[in-house]
Amino acid sequence: MGESKRRKEALGEDYGKESRILPWLPFTKTQASQFVAITTKGAWIGIGLMVTAWFTVRFIGPAFGWWEVY
């Protein structure tokens, strides 16, 4: 009997399913890594938008006379 057959008998219905992060948490390890990737990308997009807004308000706005810089 091969190792895979023993593992299949030992795991039963759970054979071939992805493992969870924690047994009581309904998220798999793949879903967790996708969540981290998406939130990291979103954070960088937010940082870029914040820098763009700051640059606009700080430098471009006063150049057009929208705000006075003291």
PDB file of N, CA and C in Angstrom:
ATOM      1  N   MET A   1       0.850  -1.176   0.000  1.00  0.00           N
ATOM      2  CA  MET A   1       0.000   0.000   0.000  1.00  0.00           C
ATOM      3  C   MET A   1       0.894   1.238   0.000  1.00  0.00           C
ATOM      4  N   GLY A   2       0.593   2.177  -0.880  1.00  0.00           N
ATOM      5  CA  GLY A   2       1.395   3.383  -0.985  1.00  0.00           C
ATOM      6  C   GLY A   2       1.027   4.421   0.064  1.00  0.00           C
ATOM      7  N   GLU A   3       1.919   5.375   0.201  1.00  0.00           N
ATOM      8  CA  GLU A   3       1.720   6.442   1.190  1.00  0.00           C
ATOM      9  C   GLU A   3       0.466   7.254   0.893  1.00  0.00           C
ATOM     10  N   SER A   4       0.184   7.501  -0.378  1.00  0.00           N
ATOM     11  CA  SER A   4      -0.992   8.315  -0.712  1.00  0.00           C
ATOM     12  C   SER A   4      -2.283   7.587  -0.341  1.00  0.00           C
ATOM     13  N   LYS A   5      -2.308   6.280  -0.489  1.00  0.00           N
ATOM     14  CA  LYS A   5      -3.508   5.528  -0.103  1.00  0.00           C
ATOM     15  C   LYS A   5      -3.701   5.559   1.407  1.00  0.00           C
ATOM     16  N   ARG A   6      -2.592   5.439   2.152  1.00  0.00           N
ATOM     17  CA  ARG A   6      -2.698   5.529   3.620  1.00  0.00           C
ATOM     18  C   ARG A   6      -3.209   6.902   4.044  1.00  0.00           C
ATOM     19  N   ARG A   7      -2.668   7.954   3.396  1.00  0.00           N
ATOM     20  CA  ARG A   7      -3.098   9.302   3.725  1.00  0.00           C
ATOM     21  C   ARG A   7      -4.568   9.489   3.387  1.00  0.00           C
ATOM     22  N   LYS A   8      -5.000   8.943   2.264  1.00  0.00           N
ATOM     23  CA  LYS A   8      -6.399   9.061   1.845  1.00  0.00           C
ATOM     24  C   LYS A   8      -7.314   8.364   2.840  1.00  0.00           C
ATOM     25  N   GLU A   9      -6.911   7.201   3.320  1.00  0.00           N
ATOM     26  CA  GLU A   9      -7.727   6.493   4.311  1.00  0.00           C
ATOM     27  C   GLU A   9      -7.749   7.236   5.638  1.00  0.00           C
ATOM     28  N   ALA A  10      -6.630   7.818   6.022  1.00  0.00           N
ATOM     29  CA  ALA A  10      -6.554   8.526   7.302  1.00  0.00           C
ATOM     30  C   ALA A  10      -7.378   9.812   7.291  1.00  0.00           C
ATOM     31  N   LEU A  11      -7.337  10.547   6.168  1.00  0.00           N
ATOM     32  CA  LEU A  11      -8.045  11.830   6.104  1.00  0.00           C
ATOM     33  C   LEU A  11      -9.521  11.669   5.765  1.00  0.00           C
ATOM     34  N   GLY A  12      -9.885  10.625   5.092  1.00  0.00           N
ATOM     35  CA  GLY A  12     -11.293  10.410   4.748  1.00  0.00           C
ATOM     36  C   GLY A  12     -11.813  11.455   3.788  1.00  0.00           C
ATOM     37  N   GLU A  13     -12.885  12.157   4.186  1.00  0.00           N
ATOM     38  CA  GLU A  13     -13.506  13.163   3.316  1.00  0.00           C
ATOM     39  C   GLU A  13     -12.631  14.396   3.107  1.00  0.00           C
ATOM     40  N   ASP A  14     -11.713  14.663   4.022  1.00  0.00           N
ATOM     41  CA  ASP A  14     -10.868  15.847   3.914  1.00  0.00           C
ATOM     42  C   ASP A  14      -9.705  15.665   2.943  1.00  0.00           C
ATOM     43  N   TYR A  15      -9.561  14.489   2.348  1.00  0.00           N
ATOM     44  CA  TYR A  15      -8.455  14.233   1.428  1.00  0.00           C
ATOM     45  C   TYR A  15      -8.602  15.091   0.171  1.00  0.00           C
ATOM     46  N   GLY A  16      -7.545  15.812  -0.164  1.00  0.00           N
ATOM     47  CA  GLY A  16      -7.543  16.650  -1.358  1.00  0.00           C
ATOM     48  C   GLY A  16      -8.051  18.059  -1.135  1.00  0.00           C
ATOM     49  N   LYS A  17      -8.563  18.356   0.040  1.00  0.00           N
ATOM     50  CA  LYS A  17      -9.042  19.704   0.344  1.00  0.00           C
ATOM     51  C   LYS A  17      -7.893  20.546   0.890  1.00  0.00           C
ATOM     52  N   GLU A  18      -7.992  21.845   0.663  1.00  0.00           N
ATOM     53  CA  GLU A  18      -6.970  22.745   1.190  1.00  0.00           C
ATOM     54  C   GLU A  18      -7.072  22.830   2.700  1.00  0.00           C
ATOM     55  N   SER A  19      -5.925  23.018   3.330  1.00  0.00           N
ATOM     56  CA  SER A  19      -5.935  23.151   4.787  1.00  0.00           C
ATOM     57  C   SER A  19      -6.321  24.581   5.165  1.00  0.00           C
ATOM     58  N   ARG A  20      -6.898  24.708   6.339  1.00  0.00           N
ATOM     59  CA  ARG A  20      -7.322  26.020   6.821  1.00  0.00           C
ATOM     60  C   ARG A  20      -6.210  26.651   7.648  1.00  0.00           C
ATOM     61  N   ILE A  21      -6.322  27.966   7.848  1.00  0.00           N
ATOM     62  CA  ILE A  21      -5.344  28.668   8.674  1.00  0.00           C
ATOM     63  C   ILE A  21      -5.441  28.148  10.098  1.00  0.00           C
ATOM     64  N   LEU A  22      -6.627  28.178  10.619  1.00  0.00           N
ATOM     65  CA  LEU A  22      -6.935  27.618  11.933  1.00  0.00           C
ATOM     66  C   LEU A  22      -8.155  26.724  11.767  1.00  0.00           C
ATOM     67  N   PRO A  23      -8.271  25.671  12.538  1.00  0.00           N
ATOM     68  CA  PRO A  23      -9.393  24.742  12.337  1.00  0.00           C
ATOM     69  C   PRO A  23     -10.774  25.397  12.464  1.00  0.00           C
ATOM     70  N   TRP A  24     -10.896  26.397  13.315  1.00  0.00           N
ATOM     71  CA  TRP A  24     -12.198  27.027  13.545  1.00  0.00           C
ATOM     72  C   TRP A  24     -12.428  28.240  12.644  1.00  0.00           C
ATOM     73  N   LEU A  25     -11.448  28.623  11.825  1.00  0.00           N
ATOM     74  CA  LEU A  25     -11.567  29.773  10.934  1.00  0.00           C
ATOM     75  C   LEU A  25     -11.856  29.276   9.517  1.00  0.00           C
ATOM     76  N   PRO A  26     -12.932  29.759   8.885  1.00  0.00           N
ATOM     77  CA  PRO A  26     -13.330  29.200   7.586  1.00  0.00           C
ATOM     78  C   PRO A  26     -12.564  29.755   6.385  1.00  0.00           C
ATOM     79  N   PHE A  27     -11.271  30.059   6.535  1.00  0.00           N
ATOM     80  CA  PHE A  27     -10.472  30.583   5.433  1.00  0.00           C
ATOM     81  C   PHE A  27      -9.288  29.666   5.180  1.00  0.00           C
ATOM     82  N   THR A  28      -9.030  29.411   3.904  1.00  0.00           N
ATOM     83  CA  THR A  28      -7.905  28.558   3.548  1.00  0.00           C
ATOM     84  C   THR A  28      -6.634  29.414   3.436  1.00  0.00           C
ATOM     85  N   LYS A  29      -5.512  28.743   3.345  1.00  0.00           N
ATOM     86  CA  LYS A  29      -4.241  29.451   3.246  1.00  0.00           C
ATOM     87  C   LYS A  29      -4.145  30.225   1.932  1.00  0.00           C
ATOM     88  N   THR A  30      -4.718  29.709   0.863  1.00  0.00           N
ATOM     89  CA  THR A  30      -4.715  30.422  -0.413  1.00  0.00           C
ATOM     90  C   THR A  30      -5.543  31.696  -0.320  1.00  0.00           C
ATOM     91  N   GLN A  31      -6.701  31.628   0.319  1.00  0.00           N
ATOM     92  CA  GLN A  31      -7.544  32.812   0.484  1.00  0.00           C
ATOM     93  C   GLN A  31      -6.835  33.862   1.332  1.00  0.00           C
ATOM     94  N   ALA A  32      -6.102  33.423   2.341  1.00  0.00           N
ATOM     95  CA  ALA A  32      -5.379  34.365   3.195  1.00  0.00           C
ATOM     96  C   ALA A  32      -4.286  35.079   2.411  1.00  0.00           C
ATOM     97  N   SER A  33      -3.558  34.355   1.576  1.00  0.00           N
ATOM     98  CA  SER A  33      -2.501  34.999   0.797  1.00  0.00           C
ATOM     99  C   SER A  33      -3.091  35.936  -0.260  1.00  0.00           C
ATOM    100  N   GLN A  34      -4.245  35.593  -0.835  1.00  0.00           N
ATOM    101  CA  GLN A  34      -4.912  36.492  -1.781  1.00  0.00           C
ATOM    102  C   GLN A  34      -5.363  37.765  -1.077  1.00  0.00           C
ATOM    103  N   PHE A  35      -5.871  37.642   0.139  1.00  0.00           N
ATOM    104  CA  PHE A  35      -6.304  38.803   0.913  1.00  0.00           C
ATOM    105  C   PHE A  35      -5.123  39.734   1.184  1.00  0.00           C
ATOM    106  N   VAL A  36      -3.998  39.171   1.565  1.00  0.00           N
ATOM    107  CA  VAL A  36      -2.813  39.982   1.828  1.00  0.00           C
ATOM    108  C   VAL A  36      -2.356  40.686   0.561  1.00  0.00           C
ATOM    109  N   ALA A  37      -2.370  39.989  -0.569  1.00  0.00           N
ATOM    110  CA  ALA A  37      -1.943  40.594  -1.840  1.00  0.00           C
ATOM    111  C   ALA A  37      -2.864  41.741  -2.238  1.00  0.00           C
ATOM    112  N   ILE A  38      -4.160  41.552  -2.111  1.00  0.00           N
ATOM    113  CA  ILE A  38      -5.127  42.590  -2.503  1.00  0.00           C
ATOM    114  C   ILE A  38      -5.027  43.805  -1.586  1.00  0.00           C
ATOM    115  N   THR A  39      -4.933  43.581  -0.274  1.00  0.00           N
ATOM    116  CA  THR A  39      -4.861  44.716   0.647  1.00  0.00           C
ATOM    117  C   THR A  39      -3.538  45.462   0.519  1.00  0.00           C
ATOM    118  N   THR A  40      -2.455  44.746   0.198  1.00  0.00           N
ATOM    119  CA  THR A  40      -1.170  45.417  -0.014  1.00  0.00           C
ATOM    120  C   THR A  40      -1.235  46.302  -1.248  1.00  0.00           C
ATOM    121  N   LYS A  41      -1.815  45.787  -2.314  1.00  0.00           N
ATOM    122  CA  LYS A  41      -1.961  46.586  -3.534  1.00  0.00           C
ATOM    123  C   LYS A  41      -2.856  47.802  -3.272  1.00  0.00           C
ATOM    124  N   GLY A  42      -3.935  47.608  -2.540  1.00  0.00           N
ATOM    125  CA  GLY A  42      -4.823  48.721  -2.202  1.00  0.00           C
ATOM    126  C   GLY A  42      -4.136  49.772  -1.351  1.00  0.00           C
ATOM    127  N   ALA A  43      -3.280  49.335  -0.431  1.00  0.00           N
ATOM    128  CA  ALA A  43      -2.547  50.285   0.405  1.00  0.00           C
ATOM    129  C   ALA A  43      -1.598  51.131  -0.445  1.00  0.00           C
ATOM    130  N   TRP A  44      -0.897  50.514  -1.387  1.00  0.00           N
ATOM    131  CA  TRP A  44       0.011  51.269  -2.247  1.00  0.00           C
ATOM    132  C   TRP A  44      -0.745  52.231  -3.143  1.00  0.00           C
ATOM    133  N   ILE A  45      -1.910  51.827  -3.614  1.00  0.00           N
ATOM    134  CA  ILE A  45      -2.733  52.742  -4.424  1.00  0.00           C
ATOM    135  C   ILE A  45      -3.167  53.933  -3.574  1.00  0.00           C
ATOM    136  N   GLY A  46      -3.572  53.681  -2.342  1.00  0.00           N
ATOM    137  CA  GLY A  46      -3.967  54.763  -1.438  1.00  0.00           C
ATOM    138  C   GLY A  46      -2.820  55.704  -1.137  1.00  0.00           C
ATOM    139  N   ILE A  47      -1.619  55.160  -0.935  1.00  0.00           N
ATOM    140  CA  ILE A  47      -0.454  56.005  -0.692  1.00  0.00           C
ATOM    141  C   ILE A  47      -0.169  56.878  -1.913  1.00  0.00           C
ATOM    142  N   GLY A  48      -0.262  56.287  -3.091  1.00  0.00           N
ATOM    143  CA  GLY A  48      -0.044  57.057  -4.317  1.00  0.00           C
ATOM    144  C   GLY A  48      -1.052  58.178  -4.483  1.00  0.00           C
ATOM    145  N   LEU A  49      -2.316  57.896  -4.203  1.00  0.00           N
ATOM    146  CA  LEU A  49      -3.349  58.933  -4.294  1.00  0.00           C
ATOM    147  C   LEU A  49      -3.122  60.039  -3.268  1.00  0.00           C
ATOM    148  N   MET A  50      -2.692  59.667  -2.067  1.00  0.00           N
ATOM    149  CA  MET A  50      -2.438  60.660  -1.030  1.00  0.00           C
ATOM    150  C   MET A  50      -1.264  61.564  -1.423  1.00  0.00           C
ATOM    151  N   VAL A  51      -0.201  60.989  -1.981  1.00  0.00           N
ATOM    152  CA  VAL A  51       0.942  61.787  -2.412  1.00  0.00           C
ATOM    153  C   VAL A  51       0.535  62.713  -3.561  1.00  0.00           C
ATOM    154  N   THR A  52      -0.269  62.215  -4.478  1.00  0.00           N
ATOM    155  CA  THR A  52      -0.743  63.040  -5.597  1.00  0.00           C
ATOM    156  C   THR A  52      -1.587  64.199  -5.091  1.00  0.00           C
ATOM    157  N   ALA A  53      -2.487  63.934  -4.159  1.00  0.00           N
ATOM    158  CA  ALA A  53      -3.324  65.001  -3.603  1.00  0.00           C
ATOM    159  C   ALA A  53      -2.469  66.023  -2.862  1.00  0.00           C
ATOM    160  N   TRP A  54      -1.499  65.541  -2.073  1.00  0.00           N
ATOM    161  CA  TRP A  54      -0.628  66.457  -1.344  1.00  0.00           C
ATOM    162  C   TRP A  54       0.164  67.332  -2.311  1.00  0.00           C
ATOM    163  N   PHE A  55       0.729  66.724  -3.350  1.00  0.00           N
ATOM    164  CA  PHE A  55       1.502  67.476  -4.336  1.00  0.00           C
ATOM    165  C   PHE A  55       0.638  68.532  -5.011  1.00  0.00           C
ATOM    166  N   THR A  56      -0.594  68.162  -5.339  1.00  0.00           N
ATOM    167  CA  THR A  56      -1.512  69.106  -5.992  1.00  0.00           C
ATOM    168  C   THR A  56      -1.827  70.280  -5.077  1.00  0.00           C
ATOM    169  N   VAL A  57      -2.167  69.991  -3.846  1.00  0.00           N
ATOM    170  CA  VAL A  57      -2.543  71.060  -2.912  1.00  0.00           C
ATOM    171  C   VAL A  57      -1.331  71.916  -2.556  1.00  0.00           C
ATOM    172  N   ARG A  58      -0.174  71.289  -2.389  1.00  0.00           N
ATOM    173  CA  ARG A  58       1.004  72.011  -1.908  1.00  0.00           C
ATOM    174  C   ARG A  58       1.693  72.826  -2.994  1.00  0.00           C
ATOM    175  N   PHE A  59       1.782  72.302  -4.214  1.00  0.00           N
ATOM    176  CA  PHE A  59       2.575  72.969  -5.246  1.00  0.00           C
ATOM    177  C   PHE A  59       1.753  73.493  -6.419  1.00  0.00           C
ATOM    178  N   ILE A  60       0.888  72.692  -6.962  1.00  0.00           N
ATOM    179  CA  ILE A  60       0.150  73.088  -8.164  1.00  0.00           C
ATOM    180  C   ILE A  60      -0.924  74.115  -7.821  1.00  0.00           C
ATOM    181  N   GLY A  61      -1.638  73.923  -6.717  1.00  0.00           N
ATOM    182  CA  GLY A  61      -2.678  74.864  -6.317  1.00  0.00           C
ATOM    183  C   GLY A  61      -2.175  76.282  -6.147  1.00  0.00           C
ATOM    184  N   PRO A  62      -1.131  76.488  -5.357  1.00  0.00           N
ATOM    185  CA  PRO A  62      -0.607  77.857  -5.199  1.00  0.00           C
ATOM    186  C   PRO A  62      -0.084  78.463  -6.504  1.00  0.00           C
ATOM    187  N   ALA A  63       0.395  77.636  -7.406  1.00  0.00           N
ATOM    188  CA  ALA A  63       0.880  78.164  -8.680  1.00  0.00           C
ATOM    189  C   ALA A  63      -0.245  78.788  -9.493  1.00  0.00           C
ATOM    190  N   PHE A  64      -1.440  78.298  -9.325  1.00  0.00           N
ATOM    191  CA  PHE A  64      -2.598  78.864 -10.022  1.00  0.00           C
ATOM    192  C   PHE A  64      -3.327  79.892  -9.172  1.00  0.00           C
ATOM    193  N   GLY A  65      -2.834  80.163  -7.971  1.00  0.00           N
ATOM    194  CA  GLY A  65      -3.430  81.170  -7.111  1.00  0.00           C
ATOM    195  C   GLY A  65      -4.642  80.684  -6.343  1.00  0.00           C
ATOM    196  N   TRP A  66      -4.803  79.374  -6.186  1.00  0.00           N
ATOM    197  CA  TRP A  66      -5.962  78.861  -5.454  1.00  0.00           C
ATOM    198  C   TRP A  66      -5.796  79.068  -3.948  1.00  0.00           C
ATOM    199  N   TRP A  67      -4.592  78.892  -3.465  1.00  0.00           N
ATOM    200  CA  TRP A  67      -4.314  79.084  -2.033  1.00  0.00           C
ATOM    201  C   TRP A  67      -3.050  79.905  -1.902  1.00  0.00           C
ATOM    202  N   GLU A  68      -2.991  80.672  -0.834  1.00  0.00           N
ATOM    203  CA  GLU A  68      -1.752  81.408  -0.568  1.00  0.00           C
ATOM    204  C   GLU A  68      -0.862  80.562   0.317  1.00  0.00           C
ATOM    205  N   VAL A  69       0.423  80.615   0.035  1.00  0.00           N
ATOM    206  CA  VAL A  69       1.397  79.876   0.833  1.00  0.00           C
ATOM    207  C   VAL A  69       2.139  80.863   1.695  1.00  0.00           C
ATOM    208  N   TYR A  70       2.147  80.628   2.989  1.00  0.00           N
ATOM    209  CA  TYR A  70       2.846  81.535   3.904  1.00  0.00           C
ATOM    210  C   TYR A  70       4.098  80.890   4.408  1.00  0.00           C
TER     211      TYR A  70
END
